[in-house]
Amino acid sequence: MNLKERFIQNCLQFSNDQDIIDDLWTEIETKYSQKSRYYHNLEHLEIMFSELESVKNKIQNFTKVSFSVFYHDIIYDATSKLNEEKSAEFSEIRLKKLNVNSESIEKISQQILATKSHLKSDDNDINYLLDADLVILGKDLETYIDYTEKIRKEYAIYPDLLYKPGRRKVLKHFLELENIFKTEDFREKYEVRARENILFEIERL
């Protein structure tokens, strides 16, 4: 199932207004296809969904998690520290158009906000979302290096003098976590490799 089909399927659970659904999808597609997005783009969403599909039976509400995937990076500005907050707010406004109930909207907003700090949650759906968001850290070295180069391009506005210390701080934050991956499924697949990749990048900074 491609991203558009997945989004439409999600929306039809709440609204049959095809015009609204089409507009919302076009907006998502446009935002994630901005030229400045080398990594935080539609491919990133596709990878997240492919990972989440493998653990779908362990996710309590896949529809809510799916909406969170679609909207978690909808606002992405390398110069801002409020991307997650703005993305959560953006999702709330859009989901109201679909008549999603307020409780679900609040839950989706919480899930999006959780992608800011990537701390383990009591809510396992959040943990699966966070893990899917970070799988790139645990991929093979060639894929990881490609990812680091794309991230650098997204932050091209900053010279190395500013970028490298900031990047190092982010990477060390992950290493200091008890576990980078919050769920057993993702931890078994990606934890060891992720730590090796991060150490490799830190050495090169």
N, C-alpha and C. Protein backbone atom coordinates (compact mmCIF):
# COMPACT_ATOMS: atom_id res chain seq x y z
N MET A 1 0.84 -1.19 0.00
CA MET A 1 0.00 0.00 0.00
C MET A 1 0.88 1.25 0.00
N ASN A 2 0.63 2.17 -0.94
CA ASN A 2 1.46 3.37 -0.94
C ASN A 2 0.95 4.38 0.08
N LEU A 3 1.70 5.45 0.26
CA LEU A 3 1.38 6.42 1.31
C LEU A 3 0.01 7.07 1.11
N LYS A 4 -0.29 7.43 -0.13
CA LYS A 4 -1.57 8.08 -0.40
C LYS A 4 -2.73 7.15 -0.05
N GLU A 5 -2.65 5.90 -0.49
CA GLU A 5 -3.71 4.93 -0.19
C GLU A 5 -3.87 4.74 1.31
N ARG A 6 -2.75 4.69 1.98
CA ARG A 6 -2.75 4.50 3.44
C ARG A 6 -3.43 5.68 4.14
N PHE A 7 -3.08 6.89 3.67
CA PHE A 7 -3.67 8.09 4.28
C PHE A 7 -5.17 8.14 4.04
N ILE A 8 -5.59 7.87 2.80
CA ILE A 8 -7.02 7.89 2.47
C ILE A 8 -7.78 6.87 3.30
N GLN A 9 -7.22 5.68 3.43
CA GLN A 9 -7.85 4.62 4.23
C GLN A 9 -8.03 5.08 5.68
N ASN A 10 -7.03 5.76 6.20
CA ASN A 10 -7.11 6.29 7.56
C ASN A 10 -8.24 7.31 7.68
N CYS A 11 -8.28 8.23 6.71
CA CYS A 11 -9.25 9.33 6.75
C CYS A 11 -10.69 8.84 6.62
N LEU A 12 -10.90 7.82 5.79
CA LEU A 12 -12.25 7.33 5.54
C LEU A 12 -12.92 6.74 6.79
N GLN A 13 -12.13 6.48 7.80
CA GLN A 13 -12.70 6.01 9.07
C GLN A 13 -13.45 7.13 9.79
N PHE A 14 -13.18 8.38 9.36
CA PHE A 14 -13.77 9.52 10.06
C PHE A 14 -14.60 10.44 9.17
N SER A 15 -14.29 10.44 7.87
CA SER A 15 -14.99 11.35 6.96
C SER A 15 -15.04 10.75 5.55
N ASN A 16 -16.16 11.05 4.86
CA ASN A 16 -16.29 10.62 3.46
C ASN A 16 -16.14 11.80 2.51
N ASP A 17 -15.72 12.93 3.04
CA ASP A 17 -15.55 14.12 2.22
C ASP A 17 -14.25 14.01 1.42
N GLN A 18 -14.36 13.55 0.18
CA GLN A 18 -13.18 13.28 -0.64
C GLN A 18 -12.38 14.54 -0.93
N ASP A 19 -13.05 15.67 -1.03
CA ASP A 19 -12.34 16.93 -1.30
C ASP A 19 -11.40 17.29 -0.15
N ILE A 20 -11.90 17.17 1.07
CA ILE A 20 -11.07 17.45 2.24
C ILE A 20 -9.90 16.47 2.31
N ILE A 21 -10.21 15.19 2.11
CA ILE A 21 -9.16 14.16 2.17
C ILE A 21 -8.09 14.42 1.12
N ASP A 22 -8.51 14.73 -0.10
CA ASP A 22 -7.56 15.02 -1.18
C ASP A 22 -6.69 16.23 -0.86
N ASP A 23 -7.34 17.26 -0.31
CA ASP A 23 -6.60 18.48 0.05
C ASP A 23 -5.56 18.20 1.13
N LEU A 24 -5.95 17.41 2.12
CA LEU A 24 -5.03 17.08 3.21
C LEU A 24 -3.86 16.25 2.69
N TRP A 25 -4.15 15.31 1.79
CA TRP A 25 -3.06 14.51 1.25
C TRP A 25 -2.10 15.37 0.42
N THR A 26 -2.66 16.23 -0.43
CA THR A 26 -1.83 17.11 -1.27
C THR A 26 -0.93 17.98 -0.40
N GLU A 27 -1.47 18.43 0.71
CA GLU A 27 -0.71 19.26 1.64
C GLU A 27 0.47 18.47 2.23
N ILE A 28 0.21 17.24 2.64
CA ILE A 28 1.26 16.37 3.19
C ILE A 28 2.34 16.12 2.14
N GLU A 29 1.90 15.75 0.95
CA GLU A 29 2.83 15.45 -0.14
C GLU A 29 3.70 16.67 -0.47
N THR A 30 3.09 17.84 -0.49
CA THR A 30 3.81 19.08 -0.81
C THR A 30 4.84 19.41 0.27
N LYS A 31 4.42 19.32 1.52
CA LYS A 31 5.31 19.65 2.64
C LYS A 31 6.53 18.73 2.68
N TYR A 32 6.30 17.43 2.54
CA TYR A 32 7.40 16.47 2.64
C TYR A 32 8.25 16.41 1.37
N SER A 33 7.82 17.09 0.33
CA SER A 33 8.58 17.11 -0.93
C SER A 33 9.33 18.42 -1.14
N GLN A 34 9.37 19.25 -0.12
CA GLN A 34 10.10 20.52 -0.23
C GLN A 34 11.57 20.25 -0.56
N LYS A 35 12.16 21.13 -1.36
CA LYS A 35 13.53 20.93 -1.82
C LYS A 35 14.54 20.84 -0.68
N SER A 36 14.23 21.48 0.42
CA SER A 36 15.16 21.50 1.56
C SER A 36 15.17 20.19 2.34
N ARG A 37 14.27 19.29 2.00
CA ARG A 37 14.15 18.02 2.73
C ARG A 37 14.94 16.92 1.99
N TYR A 38 16.07 16.60 2.53
CA TYR A 38 16.89 15.55 1.95
C TYR A 38 16.65 14.22 2.67
N TYR A 39 16.28 14.31 3.94
CA TYR A 39 16.02 13.09 4.72
C TYR A 39 14.57 13.05 5.24
N HIS A 40 14.10 14.15 5.82
CA HIS A 40 12.76 14.18 6.40
C HIS A 40 11.71 14.37 5.31
N ASN A 41 11.59 13.35 4.46
CA ASN A 41 10.73 13.43 3.29
C ASN A 41 9.78 12.23 3.24
N LEU A 42 9.13 12.04 2.10
CA LEU A 42 8.16 10.94 1.98
C LEU A 42 8.82 9.57 2.14
N GLU A 43 10.05 9.45 1.72
CA GLU A 43 10.76 8.18 1.86
C GLU A 43 10.91 7.80 3.34
N HIS A 44 11.16 8.81 4.17
CA HIS A 44 11.27 8.58 5.61
C HIS A 44 9.95 8.01 6.15
N LEU A 45 8.83 8.53 5.68
CA LEU A 45 7.52 8.02 6.11
C LEU A 45 7.32 6.59 5.63
N GLU A 46 7.72 6.31 4.40
CA GLU A 46 7.58 4.96 3.85
C GLU A 46 8.37 3.94 4.67
N ILE A 47 9.57 4.32 5.05
CA ILE A 47 10.41 3.42 5.87
C ILE A 47 9.77 3.18 7.23
N MET A 48 9.24 4.24 7.82
CA MET A 48 8.58 4.09 9.12
C MET A 48 7.41 3.11 9.02
N PHE A 49 6.59 3.27 7.99
CA PHE A 49 5.43 2.38 7.84
C PHE A 49 5.86 0.94 7.58
N SER A 50 6.90 0.75 6.79
CA SER A 50 7.35 -0.62 6.52
C SER A 50 7.82 -1.29 7.80
N GLU A 51 8.43 -0.52 8.68
CA GLU A 51 8.87 -1.07 9.98
C GLU A 51 7.68 -1.34 10.90
N LEU A 52 6.73 -0.41 10.92
CA LEU A 52 5.58 -0.57 11.81
C LEU A 52 4.66 -1.70 11.37
N GLU A 53 4.60 -1.96 10.07
CA GLU A 53 3.77 -3.06 9.58
C GLU A 53 4.22 -4.39 10.19
N SER A 54 5.51 -4.52 10.42
CA SER A 54 6.05 -5.79 10.95
C SER A 54 5.64 -6.03 12.40
N VAL A 55 5.20 -4.98 13.09
CA VAL A 55 4.77 -5.12 14.50
C VAL A 55 3.33 -4.64 14.69
N LYS A 56 2.60 -4.58 13.59
CA LYS A 56 1.23 -4.02 13.62
C LYS A 56 0.35 -4.68 14.67
N ASN A 57 0.51 -5.99 14.84
CA ASN A 57 -0.34 -6.73 15.79
C ASN A 57 -0.04 -6.37 17.24
N LYS A 58 1.08 -5.66 17.48
CA LYS A 58 1.44 -5.28 18.85
C LYS A 58 1.06 -3.82 19.15
N ILE A 59 0.57 -3.13 18.14
CA ILE A 59 0.20 -1.72 18.31
C ILE A 59 -1.29 -1.63 18.61
N GLN A 60 -1.63 -0.94 19.68
CA GLN A 60 -3.00 -0.90 20.16
C GLN A 60 -3.92 -0.17 19.18
N ASN A 61 -3.48 1.01 18.72
CA ASN A 61 -4.31 1.77 17.78
C ASN A 61 -3.45 2.21 16.60
N PHE A 62 -3.46 1.40 15.55
CA PHE A 62 -2.59 1.66 14.40
C PHE A 62 -3.03 2.90 13.63
N THR A 63 -4.31 3.21 13.66
CA THR A 63 -4.81 4.40 12.97
C THR A 63 -4.21 5.67 13.56
N LYS A 64 -4.21 5.76 14.87
CA LYS A 64 -3.64 6.95 15.53
C LYS A 64 -2.15 7.05 15.27
N VAL A 65 -1.45 5.94 15.39
CA VAL A 65 -0.01 5.94 15.13
C VAL A 65 0.25 6.34 13.68
N SER A 66 -0.59 5.88 12.77
CA SER A 66 -0.42 6.21 11.35
C SER A 66 -0.56 7.72 11.13
N PHE A 67 -1.57 8.33 11.73
CA PHE A 67 -1.72 9.78 11.61
C PHE A 67 -0.49 10.50 12.19
N SER A 68 0.03 9.96 13.27
CA SER A 68 1.23 10.56 13.89
C SER A 68 2.44 10.48 12.96
N VAL A 69 2.56 9.37 12.25
CA VAL A 69 3.65 9.25 11.27
C VAL A 69 3.50 10.32 10.20
N PHE A 70 2.31 10.45 9.66
CA PHE A 70 2.08 11.42 8.58
C PHE A 70 2.37 12.86 9.00
N TYR A 71 2.07 13.18 10.25
CA TYR A 71 2.17 14.58 10.66
C TYR A 71 3.39 14.90 11.55
N HIS A 72 4.18 13.90 11.94
CA HIS A 72 5.21 14.18 12.96
C HIS A 72 6.32 15.11 12.48
N ASP A 73 6.58 15.14 11.16
CA ASP A 73 7.58 16.06 10.61
C ASP A 73 6.98 17.01 9.58
N ILE A 74 5.68 17.23 9.65
CA ILE A 74 5.01 18.06 8.65
C ILE A 74 5.60 19.47 8.64
N ILE A 75 5.97 19.96 9.81
CA ILE A 75 6.69 21.23 9.91
C ILE A 75 8.15 20.88 10.21
N TYR A 76 9.03 21.26 9.30
CA TYR A 76 10.45 20.94 9.51
C TYR A 76 11.31 22.09 9.03
N ASP A 77 11.81 22.84 10.00
CA ASP A 77 12.67 23.99 9.72
C ASP A 77 13.95 23.80 10.53
N ALA A 78 15.07 23.68 9.84
CA ALA A 78 16.35 23.41 10.50
C ALA A 78 16.75 24.50 11.49
N THR A 79 16.17 25.69 11.37
CA THR A 79 16.54 26.79 12.26
C THR A 79 15.62 26.88 13.48
N SER A 80 14.60 26.02 13.53
CA SER A 80 13.62 26.08 14.62
C SER A 80 13.80 24.96 15.63
N LYS A 81 13.50 25.27 16.87
CA LYS A 81 13.52 24.26 17.93
C LYS A 81 12.09 23.86 18.33
N LEU A 82 11.14 24.30 17.54
CA LEU A 82 9.73 24.04 17.88
C LEU A 82 9.01 23.25 16.80
N ASN A 83 9.76 22.49 16.01
CA ASN A 83 9.14 21.74 14.92
C ASN A 83 8.07 20.76 15.40
N GLU A 84 8.37 20.05 16.47
CA GLU A 84 7.42 19.05 16.96
C GLU A 84 6.14 19.71 17.48
N GLU A 85 6.33 20.81 18.23
CA GLU A 85 5.17 21.54 18.75
C GLU A 85 4.30 22.07 17.61
N LYS A 86 4.96 22.62 16.61
CA LYS A 86 4.22 23.17 15.46
C LYS A 86 3.55 22.06 14.64
N SER A 87 4.24 20.92 14.52
CA SER A 87 3.66 19.79 13.79
C SER A 87 2.44 19.24 14.53
N ALA A 88 2.53 19.16 15.85
CA ALA A 88 1.40 18.67 16.66
C ALA A 88 0.20 19.61 16.51
N GLU A 89 0.47 20.89 16.58
CA GLU A 89 -0.59 21.89 16.44
C GLU A 89 -1.22 21.81 15.04
N PHE A 90 -0.38 21.64 14.04
CA PHE A 90 -0.82 21.51 12.65
C PHE A 90 -1.74 20.30 12.51
N SER A 91 -1.35 19.19 13.12
CA SER A 91 -2.15 17.96 13.03
C SER A 91 -3.52 18.15 13.68
N GLU A 92 -3.55 18.85 14.79
CA GLU A 92 -4.83 19.07 15.50
C GLU A 92 -5.82 19.80 14.60
N ILE A 93 -5.35 20.84 13.93
CA ILE A 93 -6.23 21.63 13.06
C ILE A 93 -6.73 20.79 11.89
N ARG A 94 -5.84 20.02 11.29
CA ARG A 94 -6.21 19.19 10.13
C ARG A 94 -7.15 18.06 10.52
N LEU A 95 -6.88 17.40 11.62
CA LEU A 95 -7.70 16.25 12.01
C LEU A 95 -9.11 16.67 12.42
N LYS A 96 -9.26 17.89 12.90
CA LYS A 96 -10.60 18.40 13.21
C LYS A 96 -11.45 18.49 11.94
N LYS A 97 -10.80 18.79 10.81
CA LYS A 97 -11.51 18.86 9.53
C LYS A 97 -12.09 17.49 9.15
N LEU A 98 -11.44 16.44 9.64
CA LEU A 98 -11.90 15.07 9.34
C LEU A 98 -12.91 14.55 10.36
N ASN A 99 -13.23 15.41 11.33
CA ASN A 99 -14.16 15.02 12.41
C ASN A 99 -13.58 13.93 13.32
N VAL A 100 -12.26 13.87 13.43
CA VAL A 100 -11.64 12.96 14.39
C VAL A 100 -11.99 13.48 15.78
N ASN A 101 -12.37 12.58 16.68
CA ASN A 101 -12.78 13.03 18.02
C ASN A 101 -11.62 13.64 18.79
N SER A 102 -11.96 14.53 19.70
CA SER A 102 -10.95 15.32 20.42
C SER A 102 -9.98 14.46 21.22
N GLU A 103 -10.47 13.35 21.76
CA GLU A 103 -9.60 12.46 22.54
C GLU A 103 -8.51 11.86 21.65
N SER A 104 -8.89 11.44 20.45
CA SER A 104 -7.92 10.87 19.51
C SER A 104 -6.93 11.93 19.03
N ILE A 105 -7.44 13.12 18.77
CA ILE A 105 -6.58 14.23 18.33
C ILE A 105 -5.53 14.52 19.40
N GLU A 106 -5.95 14.52 20.65
CA GLU A 106 -5.03 14.79 21.75
C GLU A 106 -3.97 13.70 21.85
N LYS A 107 -4.38 12.46 21.66
CA LYS A 107 -3.45 11.33 21.72
C LYS A 107 -2.41 11.41 20.59
N ILE A 108 -2.87 11.74 19.39
CA ILE A 108 -1.97 11.88 18.25
C ILE A 108 -0.99 13.03 18.49
N SER A 109 -1.49 14.11 19.03
CA SER A 109 -0.64 15.26 19.36
C SER A 109 0.45 14.86 20.36
N GLN A 110 0.07 14.09 21.37
CA GLN A 110 1.04 13.61 22.37
C GLN A 110 2.11 12.74 21.72
N GLN A 111 1.68 11.89 20.80
CA GLN A 111 2.63 11.01 20.11
C GLN A 111 3.64 11.84 19.30
N ILE A 112 3.16 12.84 18.60
CA ILE A 112 4.05 13.70 17.81
C ILE A 112 5.03 14.43 18.71
N LEU A 113 4.54 14.96 19.81
CA LEU A 113 5.41 15.69 20.75
C LEU A 113 6.49 14.77 21.33
N ALA A 114 6.17 13.49 21.46
CA ALA A 114 7.13 12.53 22.03
C ALA A 114 8.35 12.36 21.13
N THR A 115 8.21 12.67 19.83
CA THR A 115 9.35 12.52 18.92
C THR A 115 10.40 13.61 19.12
N LYS A 116 10.13 14.54 20.02
CA LYS A 116 11.10 15.60 20.30
C LYS A 116 12.24 15.09 21.18
N SER A 117 11.88 14.41 22.27
CA SER A 117 12.89 13.98 23.24
C SER A 117 13.24 12.49 23.12
N HIS A 118 12.37 11.73 22.48
CA HIS A 118 12.58 10.29 22.30
C HIS A 118 12.85 9.56 23.63
N LEU A 119 12.05 9.89 24.62
CA LEU A 119 12.16 9.22 25.91
C LEU A 119 11.14 8.10 25.99
N LYS A 120 11.49 7.04 26.69
CA LYS A 120 10.59 5.89 26.82
C LYS A 120 9.28 6.32 27.47
N SER A 121 8.19 5.77 26.96
CA SER A 121 6.86 6.14 27.43
C SER A 121 6.18 4.95 28.09
N ASP A 122 5.17 5.25 28.92
CA ASP A 122 4.34 4.19 29.49
C ASP A 122 3.37 3.67 28.43
N ASP A 123 3.23 4.46 27.36
CA ASP A 123 2.34 4.11 26.25
C ASP A 123 3.16 3.41 25.17
N ASN A 124 2.92 2.12 25.00
CA ASN A 124 3.76 1.36 24.07
C ASN A 124 3.57 1.76 22.61
N ASP A 125 2.41 2.32 22.26
CA ASP A 125 2.21 2.82 20.90
C ASP A 125 3.20 3.95 20.60
N ILE A 126 3.43 4.78 21.59
CA ILE A 126 4.42 5.85 21.44
C ILE A 126 5.80 5.25 21.25
N ASN A 127 6.11 4.23 22.02
CA ASN A 127 7.44 3.59 21.91
C ASN A 127 7.68 3.01 20.52
N TYR A 128 6.65 2.40 19.94
CA TYR A 128 6.79 1.86 18.59
C TYR A 128 6.97 2.98 17.57
N LEU A 129 6.25 4.08 17.75
CA LEU A 129 6.41 5.24 16.85
C LEU A 129 7.83 5.78 16.93
N LEU A 130 8.34 5.95 18.15
CA LEU A 130 9.69 6.48 18.34
C LEU A 130 10.74 5.56 17.72
N ASP A 131 10.56 4.27 17.90
CA ASP A 131 11.53 3.31 17.36
C ASP A 131 11.53 3.34 15.83
N ALA A 132 10.34 3.40 15.23
CA ALA A 132 10.26 3.46 13.77
C ALA A 132 10.93 4.73 13.24
N ASP A 133 10.81 5.79 14.01
CA ASP A 133 11.41 7.08 13.62
C ASP A 133 12.93 7.01 13.59
N LEU A 134 13.50 6.10 14.40
CA LEU A 134 14.97 6.05 14.56
C LEU A 134 15.64 4.85 13.89
N VAL A 135 14.90 4.05 13.14
CA VAL A 135 15.50 2.82 12.60
C VAL A 135 16.74 3.10 11.74
N ILE A 136 16.79 4.25 11.12
CA ILE A 136 17.93 4.59 10.26
C ILE A 136 19.25 4.50 11.04
N LEU A 137 19.19 4.75 12.35
CA LEU A 137 20.41 4.71 13.17
C LEU A 137 21.01 3.30 13.22
N GLY A 138 20.15 2.30 13.04
CA GLY A 138 20.62 0.93 13.18
C GLY A 138 20.79 0.18 11.86
N LYS A 139 20.73 0.91 10.77
CA LYS A 139 20.90 0.27 9.45
C LYS A 139 22.39 0.04 9.16
N ASP A 140 22.67 -0.61 8.02
CA ASP A 140 24.07 -0.87 7.66
C ASP A 140 24.83 0.45 7.50
N LEU A 141 26.15 0.38 7.61
CA LEU A 141 26.97 1.59 7.66
C LEU A 141 26.81 2.46 6.42
N GLU A 142 26.73 1.86 5.26
CA GLU A 142 26.58 2.64 4.03
C GLU A 142 25.29 3.47 4.05
N THR A 143 24.21 2.85 4.50
CA THR A 143 22.92 3.54 4.60
C THR A 143 23.00 4.63 5.66
N TYR A 144 23.68 4.34 6.75
CA TYR A 144 23.81 5.32 7.83
C TYR A 144 24.61 6.54 7.37
N ILE A 145 25.70 6.31 6.67
CA ILE A 145 26.52 7.42 6.18
C ILE A 145 25.72 8.29 5.21
N ASP A 146 24.94 7.64 4.35
CA ASP A 146 24.07 8.38 3.43
C ASP A 146 23.09 9.26 4.20
N TYR A 147 22.54 8.72 5.28
CA TYR A 147 21.63 9.48 6.15
C TYR A 147 22.33 10.69 6.77
N THR A 148 23.55 10.50 7.27
CA THR A 148 24.26 11.63 7.90
C THR A 148 24.54 12.73 6.88
N GLU A 149 24.81 12.34 5.65
CA GLU A 149 25.06 13.34 4.60
C GLU A 149 23.79 14.12 4.26
N LYS A 150 22.67 13.43 4.28
CA LYS A 150 21.39 14.10 4.01
C LYS A 150 21.02 15.06 5.14
N ILE A 151 21.27 14.64 6.37
CA ILE A 151 21.01 15.52 7.51
C ILE A 151 21.89 16.77 7.42
N ARG A 152 23.14 16.57 7.04
CA ARG A 152 24.06 17.73 6.91
C ARG A 152 23.53 18.71 5.88
N LYS A 153 22.97 18.20 4.79
CA LYS A 153 22.41 19.07 3.74
C LYS A 153 21.21 19.85 4.28
N GLU A 154 20.42 19.20 5.13
CA GLU A 154 19.25 19.89 5.70
C GLU A 154 19.69 21.04 6.61
N TYR A 155 20.87 20.89 7.17
CA TYR A 155 21.39 21.93 8.06
C TYR A 155 22.50 22.75 7.39
N ALA A 156 22.44 22.81 6.07
CA ALA A 156 23.49 23.49 5.30
C ALA A 156 23.64 24.97 5.67
N ILE A 157 22.59 25.54 6.24
CA ILE A 157 22.64 26.95 6.63
C ILE A 157 23.69 27.19 7.71
N TYR A 158 24.06 26.12 8.45
CA TYR A 158 25.02 26.26 9.54
C TYR A 158 26.42 25.83 9.11
N PRO A 159 27.44 26.61 9.43
CA PRO A 159 28.82 26.19 9.14
C PRO A 159 29.23 25.06 10.08
N ASP A 160 30.27 24.32 9.71
CA ASP A 160 30.74 23.20 10.55
C ASP A 160 31.00 23.62 11.98
N LEU A 161 31.47 24.83 12.15
CA LEU A 161 31.80 25.36 13.48
C LEU A 161 30.60 25.28 14.43
N LEU A 162 29.40 25.46 13.86
CA LEU A 162 28.18 25.37 14.66
C LEU A 162 27.51 24.00 14.55
N TYR A 163 27.56 23.45 13.36
CA TYR A 163 26.86 22.18 13.12
C TYR A 163 27.47 21.03 13.91
N LYS A 164 28.77 20.89 13.85
CA LYS A 164 29.42 19.72 14.44
C LYS A 164 29.19 19.59 15.95
N PRO A 165 29.36 20.67 16.73
CA PRO A 165 29.09 20.54 18.18
C PRO A 165 27.62 20.20 18.45
N GLY A 166 26.71 20.79 17.66
CA GLY A 166 25.29 20.51 17.84
C GLY A 166 24.94 19.07 17.52
N ARG A 167 25.51 18.60 16.44
CA ARG A 167 25.28 17.21 16.03
C ARG A 167 25.86 16.24 17.06
N ARG A 168 27.04 16.55 17.54
CA ARG A 168 27.70 15.71 18.54
C ARG A 168 26.83 15.62 19.80
N LYS A 169 26.24 16.73 20.17
CA LYS A 169 25.38 16.76 21.37
C LYS A 169 24.16 15.85 21.18
N VAL A 170 23.56 15.90 20.01
CA VAL A 170 22.40 15.04 19.71
C VAL A 170 22.79 13.57 19.77
N LEU A 171 23.92 13.24 19.17
CA LEU A 171 24.37 11.84 19.13
C LEU A 171 24.71 11.33 20.53
N LYS A 172 25.35 12.17 21.32
CA LYS A 172 25.70 11.75 22.69
C LYS A 172 24.45 11.55 23.54
N HIS A 173 23.42 12.35 23.24
CA HIS A 173 22.14 12.19 23.94
C HIS A 173 21.60 10.77 23.72
N PHE A 174 21.69 10.28 22.48
CA PHE A 174 21.21 8.93 22.19
C PHE A 174 22.05 7.89 22.90
N LEU A 175 23.37 8.08 22.92
CA LEU A 175 24.25 7.11 23.58
C LEU A 175 24.01 7.05 25.08
N GLU A 176 23.58 8.17 25.66
CA GLU A 176 23.37 8.22 27.11
C GLU A 176 22.05 7.58 27.54
N LEU A 177 21.16 7.36 26.57
CA LEU A 177 19.90 6.69 26.90
C LEU A 177 20.19 5.24 27.30
N GLU A 178 19.41 4.72 28.22
CA GLU A 178 19.58 3.31 28.62
C GLU A 178 19.42 2.42 27.40
N ASN A 179 18.42 2.74 26.60
CA ASN A 179 18.20 2.05 25.33
C ASN A 179 17.78 3.08 24.28
N ILE A 180 18.42 3.07 23.13
CA ILE A 180 17.99 3.95 22.04
C ILE A 180 16.60 3.51 21.59
N PHE A 181 16.41 2.20 21.48
CA PHE A 181 15.13 1.65 21.04
C PHE A 181 14.33 1.17 22.25
N LYS A 182 13.07 1.59 22.30
CA LYS A 182 12.26 1.40 23.50
C LYS A 182 11.56 0.04 23.56
N THR A 183 11.36 -0.57 22.39
CA THR A 183 10.64 -1.85 22.36
C THR A 183 11.63 -2.98 22.11
N GLU A 184 11.28 -4.14 22.62
CA GLU A 184 12.16 -5.30 22.47
C GLU A 184 12.37 -5.65 20.99
N ASP A 185 11.30 -5.51 20.21
CA ASP A 185 11.37 -5.85 18.78
C ASP A 185 12.47 -5.06 18.07
N PHE A 186 12.45 -3.76 18.25
CA PHE A 186 13.41 -2.90 17.56
C PHE A 186 14.79 -2.94 18.22
N ARG A 187 14.79 -3.14 19.53
CA ARG A 187 16.07 -3.20 20.25
C ARG A 187 16.89 -4.39 19.76
N GLU A 188 16.23 -5.52 19.60
CA GLU A 188 16.93 -6.73 19.14
C GLU A 188 17.50 -6.55 17.73
N LYS A 189 16.77 -5.83 16.89
CA LYS A 189 17.18 -5.66 15.49
C LYS A 189 18.24 -4.57 15.30
N TYR A 190 18.14 -3.50 16.09
CA TYR A 190 18.91 -2.30 15.73
C TYR A 190 19.81 -1.67 16.80
N GLU A 191 19.65 -2.07 18.07
CA GLU A 191 20.36 -1.35 19.15
C GLU A 191 21.88 -1.39 19.00
N VAL A 192 22.43 -2.59 18.85
CA VAL A 192 23.90 -2.72 18.81
C VAL A 192 24.48 -1.96 17.63
N ARG A 193 23.89 -2.14 16.47
CA ARG A 193 24.37 -1.48 15.26
C ARG A 193 24.24 0.04 15.37
N ALA A 194 23.15 0.49 15.97
CA ALA A 194 22.94 1.94 16.11
C ALA A 194 24.04 2.57 16.94
N ARG A 195 24.41 1.92 18.04
CA ARG A 195 25.47 2.47 18.89
C ARG A 195 26.81 2.47 18.15
N GLU A 196 27.06 1.45 17.37
CA GLU A 196 28.30 1.41 16.58
C GLU A 196 28.32 2.54 15.55
N ASN A 197 27.19 2.74 14.88
CA ASN A 197 27.10 3.79 13.86
C ASN A 197 27.29 5.18 14.46
N ILE A 198 26.66 5.40 15.61
CA ILE A 198 26.75 6.72 16.25
C ILE A 198 28.19 7.00 16.68
N LEU A 199 28.85 6.01 17.26
CA LEU A 199 30.26 6.18 17.66
C LEU A 199 31.13 6.46 16.44
N PHE A 200 30.84 5.80 15.35
CA PHE A 200 31.57 6.00 14.10
C PHE A 200 31.41 7.45 13.62
N GLU A 201 30.18 7.95 13.69
CA GLU A 201 29.93 9.34 13.24
C GLU A 201 30.63 10.35 14.16
N ILE A 202 30.55 10.10 15.47
CA ILE A 202 31.18 11.03 16.43
C ILE A 202 32.68 11.14 16.15
N GLU A 203 33.31 10.02 15.85
CA GLU A 203 34.74 10.01 15.55
C GLU A 203 35.07 10.83 14.31
N ARG A 204 34.13 10.89 13.38
CA ARG A 204 34.38 11.61 12.13
C ARG A 204 34.05 13.10 12.22
N LEU A 205 33.32 13.50 13.26
CA LEU A 205 32.92 14.91 13.39
C LEU A 205 34.12 15.80 13.75
